[in-house]
Amino acid sequence: EYTVTVDGAATTAWSTASTVSGVLNALPAQASSMAADRSYTR
């Protein structure tokens, strides 16, 4: 489960994609975004 922004509205989406870009590409929207994964422990 990811927190994403779709057409300006925040929502949640489930995805099996292995990349952040893949998660967004699977969304049925022209414009979407999500926080890029940044981790210092994994």
Full PDB file with SEQRES, HELIX, SHEET, SSBOND, CRYST1, ORIGX, SCALE, CONECT and MASTER records, all heavy atoms in Angstrom:
SEQRES   1 A   42  GLU TYR THR VAL THR VAL ASP GLY ALA ALA THR THR ALA          
SEQRES   2 A   42  TRP SER THR ALA SER THR VAL SER GLY VAL LEU ASN ALA          
SEQRES   3 A   42  LEU PRO ALA GLN ALA SER SER MET ALA ALA ASP ARG SER          
SEQRES   4 A   42  TYR THR ARG                                                  
HELIX    1 AA1 VAL A   20  ASN A   25  1                                   6    
SHEET    1 AA1 3 ALA A   9  ALA A  13  0                                        
SHEET    2 AA1 3 TYR A   2  VAL A   6 -1                                        
SHEET    3 AA1 3 SER A  32  MET A  34 -1                                        
CRYST1    1.000    1.000    1.000  90.00  90.00  90.00 P 1           1          
ORIGX1      1.000000  0.000000  0.000000        0.00000                         
ORIGX2      0.000000  1.000000  0.000000        0.00000                         
ORIGX3      0.000000  0.000000  1.000000        0.00000                         
SCALE1      1.000000  0.000000  0.000000        0.00000                         
SCALE2      0.000000  1.000000  0.000000        0.00000                         
SCALE3      0.000000  0.000000  1.000000        0.00000                         
ATOM      1  N   GLU A   1       0.850  -1.197   0.000  1.00  0.00           N  
ATOM      2  CA  GLU A   1       0.000   0.000   0.000  1.00  0.00           C  
ATOM      3  C   GLU A   1       0.884   1.246   0.000  1.00  0.00           C  
ATOM      4  O   GLU A   1       1.820   1.381   0.789  1.00  0.00           O  
ATOM      5  CB  GLU A   1      -0.909   0.010   1.225  1.00  0.00           C  
ATOM      6  CG  GLU A   1      -1.909   1.161   1.221  1.00  0.00           C  
ATOM      7  CD  GLU A   1      -2.830   1.135   2.431  1.00  0.00           C  
ATOM      8  OE1 GLU A   1      -2.431   0.524   3.455  1.00  0.00           O  
ATOM      9  OE2 GLU A   1      -3.915   1.703   2.365  1.00  0.00           O  
ATOM     10  N   TYR A   2       0.581   2.182  -0.894  1.00  0.00           N  
ATOM     11  CA  TYR A   2       1.339   3.426  -1.003  1.00  0.00           C  
ATOM     12  C   TYR A   2       0.398   4.619  -0.852  1.00  0.00           C  
ATOM     13  O   TYR A   2      -0.779   4.545  -1.224  1.00  0.00           O  
ATOM     14  CB  TYR A   2       2.047   3.519  -2.364  1.00  0.00           C  
ATOM     15  CG  TYR A   2       3.046   2.416  -2.619  1.00  0.00           C  
ATOM     16  CD1 TYR A   2       2.675   1.270  -3.328  1.00  0.00           C  
ATOM     17  CD2 TYR A   2       4.356   2.518  -2.159  1.00  0.00           C  
ATOM     18  CE1 TYR A   2       3.585   0.251  -3.571  1.00  0.00           C  
ATOM     19  CE2 TYR A   2       5.272   1.498  -2.399  1.00  0.00           C  
ATOM     20  CZ  TYR A   2       4.888   0.370  -3.105  1.00  0.00           C  
ATOM     21  OH  TYR A   2       5.791  -0.631  -3.348  1.00  0.00           O  
ATOM     22  N   THR A   3       0.965   5.714  -0.338  1.00  0.00           N  
ATOM     23  CA  THR A   3       0.231   6.982  -0.316  1.00  0.00           C  
ATOM     24  C   THR A   3       0.647   7.766  -1.551  1.00  0.00           C  
ATOM     25  O   THR A   3       1.829   8.068  -1.742  1.00  0.00           O  
ATOM     26  CB  THR A   3       0.563   7.794   0.949  1.00  0.00           C  
ATOM     27  OG1 THR A   3       0.163   7.044   2.099  1.00  0.00           O  
ATOM     28  CG2 THR A   3      -0.179   9.127   0.943  1.00  0.00           C  
ATOM     29  N   VAL A   4      -0.313   8.093  -2.394  1.00  0.00           N  
ATOM     30  CA  VAL A   4      -0.030   8.769  -3.655  1.00  0.00           C  
ATOM     31  C   VAL A   4      -0.949   9.973  -3.808  1.00  0.00           C  
ATOM     32  O   VAL A   4      -1.958  10.113  -3.113  1.00  0.00           O  
ATOM     33  CB  VAL A   4      -0.222   7.815  -4.859  1.00  0.00           C  
ATOM     34  CG1 VAL A   4       0.730   6.640  -4.782  1.00  0.00           C  
ATOM     35  CG2 VAL A   4      -1.667   7.315  -4.929  1.00  0.00           C  
ATOM     36  N   THR A   5      -0.578  10.840  -4.730  1.00  0.00           N  
ATOM     37  CA  THR A   5      -1.418  11.990  -5.081  1.00  0.00           C  
ATOM     38  C   THR A   5      -1.872  11.803  -6.520  1.00  0.00           C  
ATOM     39  O   THR A   5      -1.039  11.704  -7.432  1.00  0.00           O  
ATOM     40  CB  THR A   5      -0.643  13.304  -4.933  1.00  0.00           C  
ATOM     41  OG1 THR A   5      -0.210  13.436  -3.579  1.00  0.00           O  
ATOM     42  CG2 THR A   5      -1.528  14.497  -5.295  1.00  0.00           C  
ATOM     43  N   VAL A   6      -3.164  11.735  -6.703  1.00  0.00           N  
ATOM     44  CA  VAL A   6      -3.741  11.510  -8.028  1.00  0.00           C  
ATOM     45  C   VAL A   6      -4.583  12.719  -8.407  1.00  0.00           C  
ATOM     46  O   VAL A   6      -5.555  13.041  -7.716  1.00  0.00           O  
ATOM     47  CB  VAL A   6      -4.604  10.226  -8.055  1.00  0.00           C  
ATOM     48  CG1 VAL A   6      -5.230  10.049  -9.435  1.00  0.00           C  
ATOM     49  CG2 VAL A   6      -3.763   9.015  -7.693  1.00  0.00           C  
ATOM     50  N   ASP A   7      -4.189  13.407  -9.476  1.00  0.00           N  
ATOM     51  CA  ASP A   7      -4.909  14.600  -9.944  1.00  0.00           C  
ATOM     52  C   ASP A   7      -5.133  15.595  -8.809  1.00  0.00           C  
ATOM     53  O   ASP A   7      -6.205  16.179  -8.654  1.00  0.00           O  
ATOM     54  CB  ASP A   7      -6.244  14.205 -10.588  1.00  0.00           C  
ATOM     55  CG  ASP A   7      -6.054  13.361 -11.839  1.00  0.00           C  
ATOM     56  OD1 ASP A   7      -5.014  13.544 -12.502  1.00  0.00           O  
ATOM     57  OD2 ASP A   7      -6.924  12.535 -12.142  1.00  0.00           O  
ATOM     58  N   GLY A   8      -4.099  15.765  -7.979  1.00  0.00           N  
ATOM     59  CA  GLY A   8      -4.162  16.768  -6.915  1.00  0.00           C  
ATOM     60  C   GLY A   8      -4.765  16.308  -5.614  1.00  0.00           C  
ATOM     61  O   GLY A   8      -4.756  17.050  -4.637  1.00  0.00           O  
ATOM     62  N   ALA A   9      -5.295  15.084  -5.540  1.00  0.00           N  
ATOM     63  CA  ALA A   9      -5.933  14.597  -4.311  1.00  0.00           C  
ATOM     64  C   ALA A   9      -5.127  13.439  -3.734  1.00  0.00           C  
ATOM     65  O   ALA A   9      -4.727  12.514  -4.462  1.00  0.00           O  
ATOM     66  CB  ALA A   9      -7.360  14.157  -4.588  1.00  0.00           C  
ATOM     67  N   ALA A  10      -4.883  13.474  -2.419  1.00  0.00           N  
ATOM     68  CA  ALA A  10      -4.133  12.410  -1.760  1.00  0.00           C  
ATOM     69  C   ALA A  10      -5.016  11.184  -1.568  1.00  0.00           C  
ATOM     70  O   ALA A  10      -6.182  11.290  -1.205  1.00  0.00           O  
ATOM     71  CB  ALA A  10      -3.612  12.894  -0.408  1.00  0.00           C  
ATOM     72  N   THR A  11      -4.464  10.004  -1.825  1.00  0.00           N  
ATOM     73  CA  THR A  11      -5.211   8.759  -1.676  1.00  0.00           C  
ATOM     74  C   THR A  11      -4.217   7.619  -1.443  1.00  0.00           C  
ATOM     75  O   THR A  11      -3.008   7.847  -1.379  1.00  0.00           O  
ATOM     76  CB  THR A  11      -6.071   8.481  -2.922  1.00  0.00           C  
ATOM     77  OG1 THR A  11      -6.889   7.316  -2.686  1.00  0.00           O  
ATOM     78  CG2 THR A  11      -5.212   8.243  -4.145  1.00  0.00           C  
ATOM     79  N   THR A  12      -4.718   6.403  -1.296  1.00  0.00           N  
ATOM     80  CA  THR A  12      -3.845   5.236  -1.146  1.00  0.00           C  
ATOM     81  C   THR A  12      -4.048   4.309  -2.341  1.00  0.00           C  
ATOM     82  O   THR A  12      -5.139   4.263  -2.936  1.00  0.00           O  
ATOM     83  CB  THR A  12      -4.158   4.465   0.150  1.00  0.00           C  
ATOM     84  OG1 THR A  12      -5.538   4.079   0.153  1.00  0.00           O  
ATOM     85  CG2 THR A  12      -3.868   5.332   1.365  1.00  0.00           C  
ATOM     86  N   ALA A  13      -3.000   3.565  -2.680  1.00  0.00           N  
ATOM     87  CA  ALA A  13      -3.072   2.636  -3.809  1.00  0.00           C  
ATOM     88  C   ALA A  13      -2.226   1.415  -3.496  1.00  0.00           C  
ATOM     89  O   ALA A  13      -1.176   1.510  -2.853  1.00  0.00           O  
ATOM     90  CB  ALA A  13      -2.583   3.309  -5.091  1.00  0.00           C  
ATOM     91  N   TRP A  14      -2.725   0.234  -3.950  1.00  0.00           N  
ATOM     92  CA  TRP A  14      -1.987  -1.016  -3.785  1.00  0.00           C  
ATOM     93  C   TRP A  14      -1.298  -1.342  -5.105  1.00  0.00           C  
ATOM     94  O   TRP A  14      -1.885  -1.182  -6.173  1.00  0.00           O  
ATOM     95  CB  TRP A  14      -2.929  -2.152  -3.402  1.00  0.00           C  
ATOM     96  CG  TRP A  14      -3.493  -2.029  -2.020  1.00  0.00           C  
ATOM     97  CD1 TRP A  14      -4.575  -1.303  -1.648  1.00  0.00           C  
ATOM     98  CD2 TRP A  14      -2.977  -2.635  -0.840  1.00  0.00           C  
ATOM     99  NE1 TRP A  14      -4.786  -1.417  -0.300  1.00  0.00           N  
ATOM    100  CE2 TRP A  14      -3.823  -2.245   0.233  1.00  0.00           C  
ATOM    101  CE3 TRP A  14      -1.902  -3.489  -0.570  1.00  0.00           C  
ATOM    102  CZ2 TRP A  14      -3.602  -2.668   1.540  1.00  0.00           C  
ATOM    103  CZ3 TRP A  14      -1.692  -3.917   0.733  1.00  0.00           C  
ATOM    104  CH2 TRP A  14      -2.526  -3.505   1.776  1.00  0.00           C  
ATOM    105  N   SER A  15      -0.057  -1.791  -5.014  1.00  0.00           N  
ATOM    106  CA  SER A  15       0.664  -2.105  -6.248  1.00  0.00           C  
ATOM    107  C   SER A  15       1.669  -3.218  -5.992  1.00  0.00           C  
ATOM    108  O   SER A  15       2.242  -3.322  -4.899  1.00  0.00           O  
ATOM    109  CB  SER A  15       1.383  -0.862  -6.778  1.00  0.00           C  
ATOM    110  OG  SER A  15       2.139  -1.181  -7.934  1.00  0.00           O  
ATOM    111  N   THR A  16       1.874  -4.049  -7.041  1.00  0.00           N  
ATOM    112  CA  THR A  16       2.897  -5.097  -6.985  1.00  0.00           C  
ATOM    113  C   THR A  16       4.125  -4.693  -7.787  1.00  0.00           C  
ATOM    114  O   THR A  16       5.043  -5.496  -7.966  1.00  0.00           O  
ATOM    115  CB  THR A  16       2.336  -6.414  -7.548  1.00  0.00           C  
ATOM    116  OG1 THR A  16       1.912  -6.198  -8.908  1.00  0.00           O  
ATOM    117  CG2 THR A  16       1.155  -6.894  -6.728  1.00  0.00           C  
ATOM    118  N   ALA A  17       4.167  -3.435  -8.270  1.00  0.00           N  
ATOM    119  CA  ALA A  17       5.292  -2.971  -9.081  1.00  0.00           C  
ATOM    120  C   ALA A  17       6.564  -2.976  -8.255  1.00  0.00           C  
ATOM    121  O   ALA A  17       6.547  -2.744  -7.044  1.00  0.00           O  
ATOM    122  CB  ALA A  17       5.016  -1.577  -9.619  1.00  0.00           C  
ATOM    123  N   SER A  18       7.680  -3.198  -8.914  1.00  0.00           N  
ATOM    124  CA  SER A  18       8.964  -3.283  -8.213  1.00  0.00           C  
ATOM    125  C   SER A  18       9.708  -1.960  -8.208  1.00  0.00           C  
ATOM    126  O   SER A  18      10.769  -1.847  -7.595  1.00  0.00           O  
ATOM    127  CB  SER A  18       9.845  -4.353  -8.864  1.00  0.00           C  
ATOM    128  OG  SER A  18      10.059  -4.040 -10.238  1.00  0.00           O  
ATOM    129  N   THR A  19       9.163  -0.939  -8.909  1.00  0.00           N  
ATOM    130  CA  THR A  19       9.799   0.387  -8.934  1.00  0.00           C  
ATOM    131  C   THR A  19       8.756   1.452  -8.608  1.00  0.00           C  
ATOM    132  O   THR A  19       7.552   1.246  -8.776  1.00  0.00           O  
ATOM    133  CB  THR A  19      10.409   0.698 -10.319  1.00  0.00           C  
ATOM    134  OG1 THR A  19       9.351   0.813 -11.280  1.00  0.00           O  
ATOM    135  CG2 THR A  19      11.391  -0.381 -10.744  1.00  0.00           C  
ATOM    136  N   VAL A  20       9.251   2.612  -8.131  1.00  0.00           N  
ATOM    137  CA  VAL A  20       8.354   3.726  -7.833  1.00  0.00           C  
ATOM    138  C   VAL A  20       7.657   4.193  -9.096  1.00  0.00           C  
ATOM    139  O   VAL A  20       6.455   4.470  -9.106  1.00  0.00           O  
ATOM    140  CB  VAL A  20       9.140   4.891  -7.187  1.00  0.00           C  
ATOM    141  CG1 VAL A  20       8.208   6.054  -6.866  1.00  0.00           C  
ATOM    142  CG2 VAL A  20       9.859   4.431  -5.935  1.00  0.00           C  
ATOM    143  N   SER A  21       8.412   4.272 -10.181  1.00  0.00           N  
ATOM    144  CA  SER A  21       7.829   4.681 -11.452  1.00  0.00           C  
ATOM    145  C   SER A  21       6.749   3.703 -11.891  1.00  0.00           C  
ATOM    146  O   SER A  21       5.706   4.105 -12.426  1.00  0.00           O  
ATOM    147  CB  SER A  21       8.926   4.782 -12.523  1.00  0.00           C  
ATOM    148  OG  SER A  21       8.380   5.163 -13.758  1.00  0.00           O  
ATOM    149  N   GLY A  22       6.976   2.403 -11.656  1.00  0.00           N  
ATOM    150  CA  GLY A  22       5.977   1.401 -12.016  1.00  0.00           C  
ATOM    151  C   GLY A  22       4.687   1.565 -11.236  1.00  0.00           C  
ATOM    152  O   GLY A  22       3.599   1.332 -11.764  1.00  0.00           O  
ATOM    153  N   VAL A  23       4.787   1.956  -9.960  1.00  0.00           N  
ATOM    154  CA  VAL A  23       3.587   2.191  -9.158  1.00  0.00           C  
ATOM    155  C   VAL A  23       2.747   3.296  -9.774  1.00  0.00           C  
ATOM    156  O   VAL A  23       1.522   3.179  -9.917  1.00  0.00           O  
ATOM    157  CB  VAL A  23       3.980   2.558  -7.702  1.00  0.00           C  
ATOM    158  CG1 VAL A  23       2.744   2.962  -6.904  1.00  0.00           C  
ATOM    159  CG2 VAL A  23       4.688   1.389  -7.032  1.00  0.00           C  
ATOM    160  N   LEU A  24       3.400   4.390 -10.163  1.00  0.00           N  
ATOM    161  CA  LEU A  24       2.662   5.530 -10.719  1.00  0.00           C  
ATOM    162  C   LEU A  24       2.100   5.225 -12.102  1.00  0.00           C  
ATOM    163  O   LEU A  24       0.986   5.647 -12.438  1.00  0.00           O  
ATOM    164  CB  LEU A  24       3.575   6.763 -10.775  1.00  0.00           C  
ATOM    165  CG  LEU A  24       4.083   7.281  -9.415  1.00  0.00           C  
ATOM    166  CD1 LEU A  24       4.996   8.479  -9.626  1.00  0.00           C  
ATOM    167  CD2 LEU A  24       2.922   7.653  -8.513  1.00  0.00           C  
ATOM    168  N   ASN A  25       2.859   4.511 -12.906  1.00  0.00           N  
ATOM    169  CA  ASN A  25       2.393   4.198 -14.264  1.00  0.00           C  
ATOM    170  C   ASN A  25       1.140   3.334 -14.256  1.00  0.00           C  
ATOM    171  O   ASN A  25       0.347   3.361 -15.198  1.00  0.00           O  
ATOM    172  CB  ASN A  25       3.497   3.490 -15.049  1.00  0.00           C  
ATOM    173  CG  ASN A  25       4.598   4.450 -15.460  1.00  0.00           C  
ATOM    174  OD1 ASN A  25       4.357   5.635 -15.652  1.00  0.00           O  
ATOM    175  ND2 ASN A  25       5.816   3.930 -15.608  1.00  0.00           N  
ATOM    176  N   ALA A  26       0.950   2.553 -13.193  1.00  0.00           N  
ATOM    177  CA  ALA A  26      -0.211   1.668 -13.121  1.00  0.00           C  
ATOM    178  C   ALA A  26      -1.481   2.397 -12.704  1.00  0.00           C  
ATOM    179  O   ALA A  26      -2.577   1.836 -12.791  1.00  0.00           O  
ATOM    180  CB  ALA A  26       0.068   0.527 -12.148  1.00  0.00           C  
ATOM    181  N   LEU A  27      -1.340   3.655 -12.266  1.00  0.00           N  
ATOM    182  CA  LEU A  27      -2.517   4.402 -11.801  1.00  0.00           C  
ATOM    183  C   LEU A  27      -3.294   4.955 -12.989  1.00  0.00           C  
ATOM    184  O   LEU A  27      -2.697   5.459 -13.954  1.00  0.00           O  
ATOM    185  CB  LEU A  27      -2.095   5.556 -10.889  1.00  0.00           C  
ATOM    186  CG  LEU A  27      -1.409   5.156  -9.582  1.00  0.00           C  
ATOM    187  CD1 LEU A  27      -0.913   6.396  -8.845  1.00  0.00           C  
ATOM    188  CD2 LEU A  27      -2.379   4.382  -8.693  1.00  0.00           C  
ATOM    189  N   PRO A  28      -4.629   4.892 -12.934  1.00  0.00           N  
ATOM    190  CA  PRO A  28      -5.458   5.406 -14.035  1.00  0.00           C  
ATOM    191  C   PRO A  28      -5.617   6.922 -13.945  1.00  0.00           C  
ATOM    192  O   PRO A  28      -6.706   7.447 -13.706  1.00  0.00           O  
ATOM    193  CB  PRO A  28      -6.795   4.688 -13.815  1.00  0.00           C  
ATOM    194  CG  PRO A  28      -6.866   4.504 -12.338  1.00  0.00           C  
ATOM    195  CD  PRO A  28      -5.450   4.261 -11.874  1.00  0.00           C  
ATOM    196  N   ALA A  29      -4.499   7.669 -14.106  1.00  0.00           N  
ATOM    197  CA  ALA A  29      -4.557   9.126 -14.001  1.00  0.00           C  
ATOM    198  C   ALA A  29      -3.495   9.731 -14.897  1.00  0.00           C  
ATOM    199  O   ALA A  29      -2.446   9.137 -15.147  1.00  0.00           O  
ATOM    200  CB  ALA A  29      -4.344   9.561 -12.556  1.00  0.00           C  
ATOM    201  N   GLN A  30      -3.768  10.950 -15.383  1.00  0.00           N  
ATOM    202  CA  GLN A  30      -2.799  11.649 -16.208  1.00  0.00           C  
ATOM    203  C   GLN A  30      -1.653  12.197 -15.369  1.00  0.00           C  
ATOM    204  O   GLN A  30      -0.522  12.265 -15.812  1.00  0.00           O  
ATOM    205  CB  GLN A  30      -3.498  12.801 -16.959  1.00  0.00           C  
ATOM    206  CG  GLN A  30      -4.352  12.362 -18.125  1.00  0.00           C  
ATOM    207  CD  GLN A  30      -3.520  11.707 -19.216  1.00  0.00           C  
ATOM    208  OE1 GLN A  30      -2.442  12.179 -19.588  1.00  0.00           O  
ATOM    209  NE2 GLN A  30      -4.023  10.589 -19.735  1.00  0.00           N  
ATOM    210  N   ALA A  31      -1.955  12.615 -14.146  1.00  0.00           N  
ATOM    211  CA  ALA A  31      -0.931  13.202 -13.279  1.00  0.00           C  
ATOM    212  C   ALA A  31      -0.987  12.540 -11.913  1.00  0.00           C  
ATOM    213  O   ALA A  31      -2.041  12.489 -11.286  1.00  0.00           O  
ATOM    214  CB  ALA A  31      -1.143  14.713 -13.146  1.00  0.00           C  
ATOM    215  N   SER A  32       0.154  12.012 -11.462  1.00  0.00           N  
ATOM    216  CA  SER A  32       0.213  11.362 -10.156  1.00  0.00           C  
ATOM    217  C   SER A  32       1.615  11.536  -9.590  1.00  0.00           C  
ATOM    218  O   SER A  32       2.572  11.792 -10.318  1.00  0.00           O  
ATOM    219  CB  SER A  32      -0.140   9.878 -10.269  1.00  0.00           C  
ATOM    220  OG  SER A  32       0.727   9.236 -11.195  1.00  0.00           O  
ATOM    221  N   SER A  33       1.730  11.397  -8.260  1.00  0.00           N  
ATOM    222  CA  SER A  33       3.034  11.539  -7.626  1.00  0.00           C  
ATOM    223  C   SER A  33       3.028  10.810  -6.302  1.00  0.00           C  
ATOM    224  O   SER A  33       1.978  10.519  -5.726  1.00  0.00           O  
ATOM    225  CB  SER A  33       3.368  13.023  -7.404  1.00  0.00           C  
ATOM    226  OG  SER A  33       2.439  13.606  -6.513  1.00  0.00           O  
ATOM    227  N   MET A  34       4.238  10.525  -5.803  1.00  0.00           N  
ATOM    228  CA  MET A  34       4.397   9.912  -4.486  1.00  0.00           C  
ATOM    229  C   MET A  34       5.805  10.203  -3.988  1.00  0.00           C  
ATOM    230  O   MET A  34       6.700  10.547  -4.772  1.00  0.00           O  
ATOM    231  CB  MET A  34       4.141   8.411  -4.536  1.00  0.00           C  
ATOM    232  CG  MET A  34       5.135   7.624  -5.374  1.00  0.00           C  
ATOM    233  SD  MET A  34       4.786   5.846  -5.410  1.00  0.00           S  
ATOM    234  CE  MET A  34       5.255   5.374  -3.739  1.00  0.00           C  
ATOM    235  N   ALA A  35       5.978  10.076  -2.673  1.00  0.00           N  
ATOM    236  CA  ALA A  35       7.291  10.323  -2.091  1.00  0.00           C  
ATOM    237  C   ALA A  35       8.285   9.288  -2.600  1.00  0.00           C  
ATOM    238  O   ALA A  35       7.995   8.092  -2.599  1.00  0.00           O  
ATOM    239  CB  ALA A  35       7.208  10.282  -0.566  1.00  0.00           C  
ATOM    240  N   ALA A  36       9.440   9.769  -3.045  1.00  0.00           N  
ATOM    241  CA  ALA A  36      10.482   8.849  -3.502  1.00  0.00           C  
ATOM    242  C   ALA A  36      11.081   8.138  -2.301  1.00  0.00           C  
ATOM    243  O   ALA A  36      11.246   8.708  -1.228  1.00  0.00           O  
ATOM    244  CB  ALA A  36      11.547   9.618  -4.269  1.00  0.00           C  
ATOM    245  N   ASP A  37      11.400   6.856  -2.490  1.00  0.00           N  
ATOM    246  CA  ASP A  37      11.921   6.043  -1.389  1.00  0.00           C  
ATOM    247  C   ASP A  37      13.339   6.489  -1.042  1.00  0.00           C  
ATOM    248  O   ASP A  37      14.234   6.501  -1.886  1.00  0.00           O  
ATOM    249  CB  ASP A  37      11.919   4.569  -1.813  1.00  0.00           C  
ATOM    250  CG  ASP A  37      12.329   3.649  -0.667  1.00  0.00           C  
ATOM    251  OD1 ASP A  37      12.259   4.105   0.486  1.00  0.00           O  
ATOM    252  OD2 ASP A  37      12.700   2.499  -0.933  1.00  0.00           O  
ATOM    253  N   ARG A  38      13.524   6.912   0.244  1.00  0.00           N  
ATOM    254  CA  ARG A  38      14.864   7.240   0.736  1.00  0.00           C  
ATOM    255  C   ARG A  38      15.025   6.579   2.093  1.00  0.00           C  
ATOM    256  O   ARG A  38      14.244   6.817   3.010  1.00  0.00           O  
ATOM    257  CB  ARG A  38      15.065   8.749   0.894  1.00  0.00           C  
ATOM    258  CG  ARG A  38      15.158   9.497  -0.411  1.00  0.00           C  
ATOM    259  CD  ARG A  38      15.725  10.886  -0.187  1.00  0.00           C  
ATOM    260  NE  ARG A  38      14.841  11.725   0.604  1.00  0.00           N  
ATOM    261  CZ  ARG A  38      15.226  12.858   1.187  1.00  0.00           C  
ATOM    262  NH1 ARG A  38      16.484  13.244   1.117  1.00  0.00           N  
ATOM    263  NH2 ARG A  38      14.361  13.580   1.869  1.00  0.00           N  
ATOM    264  N   SER A  39      16.034   5.709   2.219  1.00  0.00           N  
ATOM    265  CA  SER A  39      16.233   4.998   3.475  1.00  0.00           C  
ATOM    266  C   SER A  39      17.719   4.899   3.775  1.00  0.00           C  
ATOM    267  O   SER A  39      18.541   4.712   2.880  1.00  0.00           O  
ATOM    268  CB  SER A  39      15.619   3.600   3.411  1.00  0.00           C  
ATOM    269  OG  SER A  39      15.904   2.891   4.600  1.00  0.00           O  
ATOM    270  N   TYR A  40      18.047   5.047   5.082  1.00  0.00           N  
ATOM    271  CA  TYR A  40      19.427   4.906   5.511  1.00  0.00           C  
ATOM    272  C   TYR A  40      19.666   3.547   6.166  1.00  0.00           C  
ATOM    273  O   TYR A  40      20.785   3.228   6.559  1.00  0.00           O  
ATOM    274  CB  TYR A  40      19.776   6.023   6.506  1.00  0.00           C  
ATOM    275  CG  TYR A  40      19.591   7.393   5.939  1.00  0.00           C  
ATOM    276  CD1 TYR A  40      18.462   8.146   6.253  1.00  0.00           C  
ATOM    277  CD2 TYR A  40      20.528   7.955   5.067  1.00  0.00           C  
ATOM    278  CE1 TYR A  40      18.278   9.426   5.723  1.00  0.00           C  
ATOM    279  CE2 TYR A  40      20.357   9.223   4.535  1.00  0.00           C  
ATOM    280  CZ  TYR A  40      19.232   9.950   4.870  1.00  0.00           C  
ATOM    281  OH  TYR A  40      19.052  11.200   4.330  1.00  0.00           O  
ATOM    282  N   THR A  41      18.609   2.729   6.291  1.00  0.00           N  
ATOM    283  CA  THR A  41      18.742   1.452   7.006  1.00  0.00           C  
ATOM    284  C   THR A  41      18.400   0.247   6.141  1.00  0.00           C  
ATOM    285  O   THR A  41      18.566  -0.872   6.586  1.00  0.00           O  
ATOM    286  CB  THR A  41      17.823   1.445   8.236  1.00  0.00           C  
ATOM    287  OG1 THR A  41      16.461   1.613   7.820  1.00  0.00           O  
ATOM    288  CG2 THR A  41      18.196   2.570   9.190  1.00  0.00           C  
ATOM    289  N   ARG A  42      17.912   0.442   4.927  1.00  0.00           N  
ATOM    290  CA  ARG A  42      17.539  -0.683   4.071  1.00  0.00           C  
ATOM    291  C   ARG A  42      17.786  -0.282   2.621  1.00  0.00           C  
ATOM    292  O   ARG A  42      18.040   0.874   2.307  1.00  0.00           O  
ATOM    293  CB  ARG A  42      16.062  -1.052   4.258  1.00  0.00           C  
ATOM    294  CG  ARG A  42      15.124   0.092   4.010  1.00  0.00           C  
ATOM    295  CD  ARG A  42      13.664  -0.330   4.087  1.00  0.00           C  
ATOM    296  NE  ARG A  42      12.772   0.799   4.037  1.00  0.00           N  
ATOM    297  CZ  ARG A  42      12.470   1.485   2.939  1.00  0.00           C  
ATOM    298  NH1 ARG A  42      13.030   1.144   1.787  1.00  0.00           N  
ATOM    299  NH2 ARG A  42      11.630   2.505   2.980  1.00  0.00           N  
TER     300      ARG A  42                                                      
MASTER        0    0    0    1    3    0    0    6  299    1    0    4          
END                                                                             
